[in-house]
Amino acid sequence: MQTGPASGATPPVLRVGQDGRGRWMVQESRGLLEGIFVSREAALHFAHLERHAFPGARIELANAALTSTLAA
């Protein structure tokens, strides 16, 4: 059973940050996951829980405002 990304594949990143409206978000780097949260702590907690679904994923704090890819 494979436990990480395929050899040579870039591991996924779960980005945690705020959008332009100040809402806390989590986004997976390939667009497979996105969520909006009431606080930084809630977003980080979710990101840590979701790492099981993305083997080898790392969590990063976003350097710039995140933009939703799922909703306007």
Protein backbone atom coordinates (compact mmCIF):
# COMPACT_ATOMS: atom_id res chain seq x y z
CA MET A 1 0.00 0.00 0.00
CA GLN A 2 1.36 3.40 -0.97
CA THR A 3 1.45 5.90 1.92
CA GLY A 4 2.74 9.02 0.18
CA PRO A 5 2.70 10.76 -3.16
CA ALA A 6 4.08 8.94 -6.18
CA SER A 7 7.80 9.28 -6.74
CA GLY A 8 8.51 12.64 -8.34
CA ALA A 9 5.03 13.98 -7.59
CA THR A 10 4.72 17.22 -5.69
CA PRO A 11 3.10 16.58 -2.31
CA PRO A 12 -0.15 18.46 -1.72
CA VAL A 13 -0.28 21.60 0.39
CA LEU A 14 -3.16 22.60 2.63
CA ARG A 15 -3.09 26.41 2.71
CA VAL A 16 -4.65 28.21 5.65
CA GLY A 17 -5.36 31.92 5.37
CA GLN A 18 -7.96 34.61 5.02
CA ASP A 19 -9.84 35.66 1.94
CA GLY A 20 -10.36 39.28 0.91
CA ARG A 21 -13.42 39.47 3.18
CA GLY A 22 -11.48 38.34 6.26
CA ARG A 23 -12.96 34.82 6.39
CA TRP A 24 -10.59 31.99 7.32
CA MET A 25 -10.13 29.37 4.63
CA VAL A 26 -8.38 26.08 3.93
CA GLN A 27 -7.51 25.21 0.34
CA GLU A 28 -5.75 22.15 -1.02
CA SER A 29 -3.15 23.05 -3.66
CA ARG A 30 -4.77 20.95 -6.41
CA GLY A 31 -8.26 22.34 -5.85
CA LEU A 32 -9.63 19.15 -4.31
CA LEU A 33 -10.67 20.71 -1.00
CA GLU A 34 -11.82 24.09 0.20
CA GLY A 35 -13.57 25.28 3.33
CA ILE A 36 -14.49 28.50 5.12
CA PHE A 37 -14.22 28.74 8.90
CA VAL A 38 -15.14 31.08 11.75
CA SER A 39 -11.61 31.31 13.14
CA ARG A 40 -7.94 30.63 12.44
CA GLU A 41 -7.99 27.89 15.06
CA ALA A 42 -10.96 26.15 13.41
CA ALA A 43 -9.26 26.32 10.00
CA LEU A 44 -5.99 24.89 11.37
CA HIS A 45 -7.85 22.15 13.22
CA PHE A 46 -9.67 21.15 10.02
CA ALA A 47 -6.43 21.20 8.01
CA HIS A 48 -4.75 18.89 10.53
CA LEU A 49 -7.71 16.49 10.46
CA GLU A 50 -7.77 16.42 6.65
CA ARG A 51 -4.09 15.48 6.27
CA HIS A 52 -5.15 11.81 6.39
CA ALA A 53 -6.95 12.29 3.06
CA PHE A 54 -3.85 13.78 1.42
CA PRO A 55 -0.83 11.59 2.22
CA GLY A 56 2.38 13.57 2.49
CA ALA A 57 0.50 16.88 2.68
CA ARG A 58 1.96 19.79 4.55
CA ILE A 59 0.11 22.72 6.07
CA GLU A 60 1.17 26.25 5.18
CA LEU A 61 -0.06 29.65 6.24
CA ALA A 62 -0.89 31.68 3.14
CA ASN A 63 1.27 34.71 2.34
CA ALA A 64 -1.55 36.50 0.52
CA ALA A 65 -5.34 36.52 0.57
CA LEU A 66 -6.91 33.30 -0.65
CA THR A 67 -9.55 33.37 -3.37
CA SER A 68 -12.35 30.83 -3.39
CA THR A 69 -12.36 28.52 -6.37
CA LEU A 70 -15.75 27.05 -5.51
CA ALA A 71 -18.05 29.98 -4.81
CA ALA A 72 -18.31 33.67 -5.60
